[in-house]
Amino acid sequence: MKNIPTLLPCPFCGGHEVEIRERNSTSGVFSVSVMHWCNEGGKPALKPIERMGRTREEAVRLWNKRA
């Protein structure tokens, strides 16, 4: 089993609530996304902040690099 990095909080609101979604096909997983509905400034988000990768490890790594 690979060592998956820890998700960092949202750089805008500091939130830790994230959703990890795997999109599957009959041949297996074809993408993984990390999503967070940012509540920056107390305003409800219209769409999530999302980073996608081909694997869970890649999606988490991309999430941790955003700013």
Protein backbone atom coordinates (compact mmCIF):
# COMPACT_ATOMS: atom_id res chain seq x y z
CA MET A 1 0.00 0.00 0.00
CA LYS A 2 1.29 3.43 -0.93
CA ASN A 3 1.85 6.13 1.65
CA ILE A 4 -0.83 8.79 0.94
CA PRO A 5 0.14 12.31 2.10
CA THR A 6 -2.03 14.09 4.65
CA LEU A 7 -4.47 16.64 3.22
CA LEU A 8 -3.68 20.22 4.13
CA PRO A 9 -6.51 22.61 5.13
CA CYS A 10 -7.99 25.12 2.69
CA PRO A 11 -5.57 28.06 2.27
CA PHE A 12 -8.49 30.50 2.02
CA CYS A 13 -10.81 29.56 4.90
CA GLY A 14 -8.71 27.04 6.87
CA GLY A 15 -11.40 24.39 6.53
CA HIS A 16 -10.55 20.70 6.81
CA GLU A 17 -13.82 19.32 5.43
CA VAL A 18 -12.95 17.69 2.12
CA GLU A 19 -14.57 15.09 -0.05
CA ILE A 20 -12.56 12.56 -2.05
CA ARG A 21 -14.39 11.11 -5.05
CA GLU A 22 -13.23 8.28 -7.28
CA ARG A 23 -14.71 8.20 -10.74
CA ASN A 24 -14.80 4.63 -11.98
CA SER A 25 -15.37 2.90 -15.23
CA THR A 26 -15.70 -0.78 -16.03
CA SER A 27 -11.93 -0.94 -16.52
CA GLY A 28 -11.18 0.64 -13.10
CA VAL A 29 -10.64 4.05 -11.52
CA PHE A 30 -9.92 6.74 -14.10
CA SER A 31 -9.81 9.86 -11.89
CA VAL A 32 -9.84 10.95 -8.28
CA SER A 33 -10.86 14.41 -7.09
CA VAL A 34 -10.40 16.22 -3.79
CA MET A 35 -13.18 18.80 -3.24
CA HIS A 36 -13.86 21.45 -0.61
CA TRP A 37 -16.71 23.96 -0.40
CA CYS A 38 -14.83 27.04 0.81
CA ASN A 39 -16.65 29.41 3.15
CA GLU A 40 -14.20 32.30 2.80
CA GLY A 41 -15.51 35.47 4.40
CA GLY A 42 -18.65 33.74 5.69
CA LYS A 43 -20.19 33.59 2.21
CA PRO A 44 -21.50 30.26 0.92
CA ALA A 45 -19.49 28.82 -1.97
CA LEU A 46 -21.10 28.63 -5.40
CA LYS A 47 -18.80 25.83 -6.51
CA PRO A 48 -16.13 23.73 -4.81
CA ILE A 49 -12.38 24.08 -4.99
CA GLU A 50 -11.35 20.88 -6.72
CA ARG A 51 -8.11 19.19 -7.72
CA MET A 52 -8.10 16.04 -9.84
CA GLY A 53 -5.53 13.34 -10.43
CA ARG A 54 -5.27 9.89 -11.96
CA THR A 55 -4.65 8.37 -8.51
CA ARG A 56 -5.55 9.28 -4.93
CA GLU A 57 -1.90 10.11 -4.25
CA GLU A 58 -1.73 12.50 -7.21
CA ALA A 59 -5.02 14.21 -6.29
CA VAL A 60 -3.86 14.75 -2.68
CA ARG A 61 -0.47 16.04 -3.86
CA LEU A 62 -2.17 18.52 -6.23
CA TRP A 63 -4.59 19.59 -3.48
CA ASN A 64 -1.71 20.29 -1.11
CA LYS A 65 0.05 22.48 -3.75
CA ARG A 66 -2.88 24.83 -4.46
CA ALA A 67 -3.02 28.40 -3.19
